[in-house]
Amino acid sequence: MLLRSATFVLLMLSALSLSAGDWVSLIGTDSLDGWTKVGGEASYSLSDGVITGKTGPGKNTFLTKGPYGDFELEFEVKCDQELNSGVQIRSHLYPKPTPQESKPDRIREQGEMYGYQCEITGKTNGANGCSGNFWDEGRRTKWLDETVNAEEKQAVYKPGQWNQFRIVAKGDRIQSFVNGVPVADFTDDRDAEGVIGLQVHSIKKGTGPYQVSWRNIRLREL
């Protein structure tokens, strides 16, 4: 009986190891090869393993990579407290001018980003949302986990410091963790795969420049 139990455990461990791929770093050693910038005129640079996005004129800007489907994504991020940011997952670009689903009289331009965005915010005002919750960028423009207590969860985020994020997307379930604390956990069947996008949010004219930095970005496919 003991031998059978041990054999069963080994088989289960083998199955688990086959169910997830190896961790892969998404940051190159000396270049941003494999990443594509879309949207506005923010700039991105890579130095000592850190990607830094700096605000510029125009609309929201994204540094994209992918597509990816089911995966676990981890990264650390530090955002200026005056700036709002986020990371898109399973996201897409509009192929042509398209009415926004939540506001049909607003036309989204060809090449604009839409899809699931994990919120990262240097702002602590609850009206600006909650770090770790998901916003449907450029489409339904709403929070996708309406059960999240924004004030409680935002307290987990450390303004102006490095914060660790973990996102798990498997099937129609998406979860997030900020500094080891669960934040969002919801199901949605709109997007099974798409790109990852590091967002530099637009700012008001005459303000800034501000910046947001990412490091230790790694992903394993599930």
Protein backbone atom coordinates (compact mmCIF):
# COMPACT_ATOMS: atom_id res chain seq x y z
CA MET A 1 0.00 0.00 0.00
CA LEU A 2 2.86 2.37 0.88
CA LEU A 3 4.53 1.68 -2.47
CA ARG A 4 1.31 2.39 -4.33
CA SER A 5 0.86 5.68 -2.43
CA ALA A 6 4.41 6.75 -3.24
CA THR A 7 3.91 5.85 -6.90
CA PHE A 8 0.69 7.88 -7.00
CA VAL A 9 2.43 10.95 -5.53
CA LEU A 10 5.24 10.69 -8.10
CA LEU A 11 2.73 10.43 -10.92
CA MET A 12 0.86 13.49 -9.63
CA LEU A 13 4.08 15.50 -9.38
CA SER A 14 5.01 14.47 -12.92
CA ALA A 15 1.60 15.56 -14.20
CA LEU A 16 1.95 18.93 -12.48
CA SER A 17 5.40 19.48 -13.96
CA LEU A 18 4.06 18.75 -17.44
CA SER A 19 1.07 21.08 -16.98
CA ALA A 20 3.20 24.22 -16.79
CA GLY A 21 6.11 25.37 -18.90
CA ASP A 22 9.41 26.72 -17.65
CA TRP A 23 9.69 30.27 -16.43
CA VAL A 24 10.96 32.57 -19.20
CA SER A 25 12.30 36.08 -18.67
CA LEU A 26 10.60 38.65 -20.92
CA ILE A 27 13.37 41.20 -20.47
CA GLY A 28 16.39 40.98 -22.76
CA THR A 29 19.92 41.61 -21.57
CA ASP A 30 20.61 44.72 -23.62
CA SER A 31 17.67 45.50 -25.92
CA LEU A 32 13.90 45.59 -26.25
CA ASP A 33 13.92 43.24 -29.23
CA GLY A 34 10.65 41.32 -29.39
CA TRP A 35 8.66 44.19 -27.87
CA THR A 36 6.53 46.57 -29.95
CA LYS A 37 5.43 50.08 -28.94
CA VAL A 38 1.86 51.12 -29.85
CA GLY A 39 -0.41 54.05 -29.06
CA GLY A 40 0.97 57.40 -27.91
CA GLU A 41 4.41 58.98 -27.74
CA ALA A 42 5.72 57.79 -24.39
CA SER A 43 9.25 56.36 -24.52
CA TYR A 44 10.63 53.07 -23.21
CA SER A 45 14.21 52.23 -22.35
CA LEU A 46 16.08 49.25 -20.89
CA SER A 47 18.95 49.56 -18.42
CA ASP A 48 20.36 47.01 -15.97
CA GLY A 49 17.36 44.73 -16.43
CA VAL A 50 14.80 47.47 -15.81
CA ILE A 51 12.31 48.68 -18.43
CA THR A 52 11.35 52.31 -17.82
CA GLY A 53 8.44 54.04 -19.50
CA LYS A 54 8.46 57.84 -19.53
CA THR A 55 5.41 59.97 -20.31
CA GLY A 56 5.14 61.86 -23.58
CA PRO A 57 2.49 63.68 -25.60
CA GLY A 58 -0.60 61.96 -26.91
CA LYS A 59 -2.72 59.07 -25.71
CA ASN A 60 -1.96 56.00 -23.62
CA THR A 61 1.14 54.12 -24.82
CA PHE A 62 1.88 50.39 -24.54
CA LEU A 63 4.98 48.25 -24.96
CA THR A 64 3.61 44.92 -26.18
CA LYS A 65 4.75 41.31 -26.47
CA GLY A 66 2.95 38.09 -27.34
CA PRO A 67 0.39 36.69 -27.94
CA TYR A 68 -0.06 34.44 -24.90
CA GLY A 69 -3.04 32.33 -23.82
CA ASP A 70 -2.97 30.50 -20.48
CA PHE A 71 -0.07 31.65 -18.34
CA GLU A 72 1.31 32.83 -15.03
CA LEU A 73 2.99 36.25 -15.15
CA GLU A 74 5.14 37.83 -12.47
CA PHE A 75 6.79 41.24 -12.36
CA GLU A 76 7.89 44.02 -10.04
CA VAL A 77 6.83 47.59 -10.75
CA LYS A 78 7.55 51.06 -9.36
CA CYS A 79 5.36 53.96 -10.46
CA ASP A 80 5.61 57.69 -9.81
CA GLN A 81 2.83 58.63 -7.42
CA GLU A 82 1.44 61.20 -9.88
CA LEU A 83 1.04 58.60 -12.62
CA ASN A 84 -1.49 55.87 -13.38
CA SER A 85 -0.32 52.71 -15.14
CA GLY A 86 -1.23 49.09 -15.81
CA VAL A 87 -0.33 45.85 -17.58
CA GLN A 88 -2.55 44.53 -20.34
CA ILE A 89 -3.05 40.79 -20.77
CA ARG A 90 -4.77 38.87 -23.60
CA SER A 91 -5.26 42.23 -25.29
CA HIS A 92 -5.67 43.34 -28.90
CA LEU A 93 -5.47 46.31 -31.26
CA TYR A 94 -8.50 47.59 -33.12
CA PRO A 95 -8.02 46.68 -36.80
CA LYS A 96 -10.15 49.64 -37.94
CA PRO A 97 -12.04 52.61 -36.43
CA THR A 98 -14.58 50.99 -34.07
CA PRO A 99 -17.33 52.31 -31.76
CA GLN A 100 -16.45 51.70 -28.11
CA GLU A 101 -18.81 49.09 -26.64
CA SER A 102 -19.59 51.08 -23.48
CA LYS A 103 -19.98 54.38 -25.33
CA PRO A 104 -20.82 53.83 -29.03
CA ASP A 105 -20.49 57.51 -29.93
CA ARG A 106 -16.78 57.31 -29.11
CA ILE A 107 -14.82 55.88 -32.01
CA ARG A 108 -11.67 54.00 -31.13
CA GLU A 109 -8.95 54.52 -33.72
CA GLN A 110 -7.23 51.80 -35.71
CA GLY A 111 -4.30 50.52 -33.64
CA GLU A 112 -5.74 51.45 -30.22
CA MET A 113 -5.42 48.87 -27.46
CA TYR A 114 -8.35 47.11 -25.85
CA GLY A 115 -8.73 44.28 -23.35
CA TYR A 116 -7.96 43.22 -19.79
CA GLN A 117 -5.72 45.62 -17.87
CA CYS A 118 -4.32 44.86 -14.43
CA GLU A 119 -4.29 48.21 -12.68
CA ILE A 120 -1.07 49.70 -11.32
CA THR A 121 -1.48 53.08 -9.75
CA GLY A 122 0.78 55.47 -7.92
CA LYS A 123 -2.37 57.38 -7.00
CA THR A 124 -3.97 56.43 -3.70
CA ASN A 125 -7.32 58.15 -4.26
CA GLY A 126 -9.96 55.39 -4.34
CA ALA A 127 -11.61 57.08 -7.33
CA ASN A 128 -8.62 55.99 -9.39
CA GLY A 129 -9.41 52.32 -8.88
CA CYS A 130 -7.41 49.64 -7.17
CA SER A 131 -4.00 48.12 -7.89
CA GLY A 132 -4.53 44.51 -8.94
CA ASN A 133 -8.11 44.85 -10.15
CA PHE A 134 -8.78 44.58 -13.89
CA TRP A 135 -10.15 47.34 -16.11
CA ASP A 136 -11.56 46.54 -19.54
CA GLU A 137 -9.42 49.05 -21.43
CA GLY A 138 -10.92 50.68 -24.51
CA ARG A 139 -13.96 48.39 -24.66
CA ARG A 140 -16.44 47.95 -21.76
CA THR A 141 -14.46 50.49 -19.65
CA LYS A 142 -15.48 48.97 -16.32
CA TRP A 143 -13.94 47.05 -13.43
CA LEU A 144 -14.11 43.34 -14.12
CA ASP A 145 -14.12 42.14 -10.51
CA GLU A 146 -16.86 44.20 -8.87
CA THR A 147 -16.44 42.36 -5.56
CA VAL A 148 -13.01 43.89 -4.84
CA ASN A 149 -12.98 46.24 -1.85
CA ALA A 150 -10.83 48.94 -3.44
CA GLU A 151 -9.94 50.78 -0.23
CA GLU A 152 -8.91 47.59 1.55
CA LYS A 153 -6.91 46.16 -1.35
CA GLN A 154 -5.27 49.45 -2.36
CA ALA A 155 -3.69 49.52 1.11
CA VAL A 156 -1.56 46.52 0.03
CA TYR A 157 0.13 48.62 -2.67
CA LYS A 158 3.23 50.61 -1.60
CA PRO A 159 3.25 54.02 -3.37
CA GLY A 160 6.59 55.01 -4.86
CA GLN A 161 8.22 51.66 -4.03
CA TRP A 162 8.77 48.37 -5.85
CA ASN A 163 5.63 46.20 -5.76
CA GLN A 164 5.41 42.54 -6.74
CA PHE A 165 2.51 41.47 -8.99
CA ARG A 166 1.41 37.97 -10.00
CA ILE A 167 -1.28 37.29 -12.62
CA VAL A 168 -2.71 33.87 -13.41
CA ALA A 169 -4.86 33.47 -16.54
CA LYS A 170 -6.19 29.97 -17.18
CA GLY A 171 -9.27 29.32 -19.27
CA ASP A 172 -11.87 31.95 -18.44
CA ARG A 173 -10.54 32.53 -14.90
CA ILE A 174 -8.17 35.41 -14.13
CA GLN A 175 -6.55 36.09 -10.77
CA SER A 176 -4.14 38.70 -9.44
CA PHE A 177 -1.95 39.04 -6.37
CA VAL A 178 -0.18 42.21 -5.18
CA ASN A 179 2.71 41.76 -2.78
CA GLY A 180 1.44 38.24 -2.11
CA VAL A 181 -2.12 39.31 -1.29
CA PRO A 182 -5.02 38.09 -3.49
CA VAL A 183 -6.87 40.96 -5.17
CA ALA A 184 -8.98 40.06 -8.23
CA ASP A 185 -10.53 36.70 -9.03
CA PHE A 186 -13.13 36.64 -11.80
CA THR A 187 -14.26 34.77 -14.89
CA ASP A 188 -14.72 36.27 -18.35
CA ASP A 189 -14.82 34.58 -21.75
CA ARG A 190 -14.11 37.51 -24.05
CA ASP A 191 -10.43 36.84 -24.69
CA ALA A 192 -8.63 33.48 -24.64
CA GLU A 193 -5.30 34.93 -25.77
CA GLY A 194 -3.65 38.18 -26.76
CA VAL A 195 -0.65 40.41 -26.08
CA ILE A 196 0.86 41.67 -22.86
CA GLY A 197 1.22 45.45 -22.77
CA LEU A 198 3.16 47.68 -20.34
CA GLN A 199 1.15 50.89 -20.09
CA VAL A 200 2.32 54.47 -19.70
CA HIS A 201 -0.86 56.43 -19.13
CA SER A 202 -1.44 59.77 -20.83
CA ILE A 203 -1.11 62.92 -18.69
CA LYS A 204 -2.48 66.45 -18.82
CA LYS A 205 -0.62 68.91 -20.98
CA GLY A 206 1.89 70.90 -18.97
CA THR A 207 2.44 68.20 -16.34
CA GLY A 208 5.17 65.62 -15.91
CA PRO A 209 7.29 64.03 -17.09
CA TYR A 210 6.58 60.98 -14.95
CA GLN A 211 7.81 57.43 -15.23
CA VAL A 212 7.00 53.82 -14.38
CA SER A 213 9.55 50.99 -14.24
CA TRP A 214 9.30 47.19 -14.46
CA ARG A 215 11.85 44.52 -13.57
CA ASN A 216 11.99 40.74 -13.16
CA ILE A 217 9.21 40.22 -15.72
CA ARG A 218 8.83 36.50 -16.24
CA LEU A 219 6.14 34.21 -17.64
CA ARG A 220 5.37 30.52 -17.82
CA GLU A 221 2.69 29.07 -20.02
CA LEU A 222 0.11 26.79 -18.42
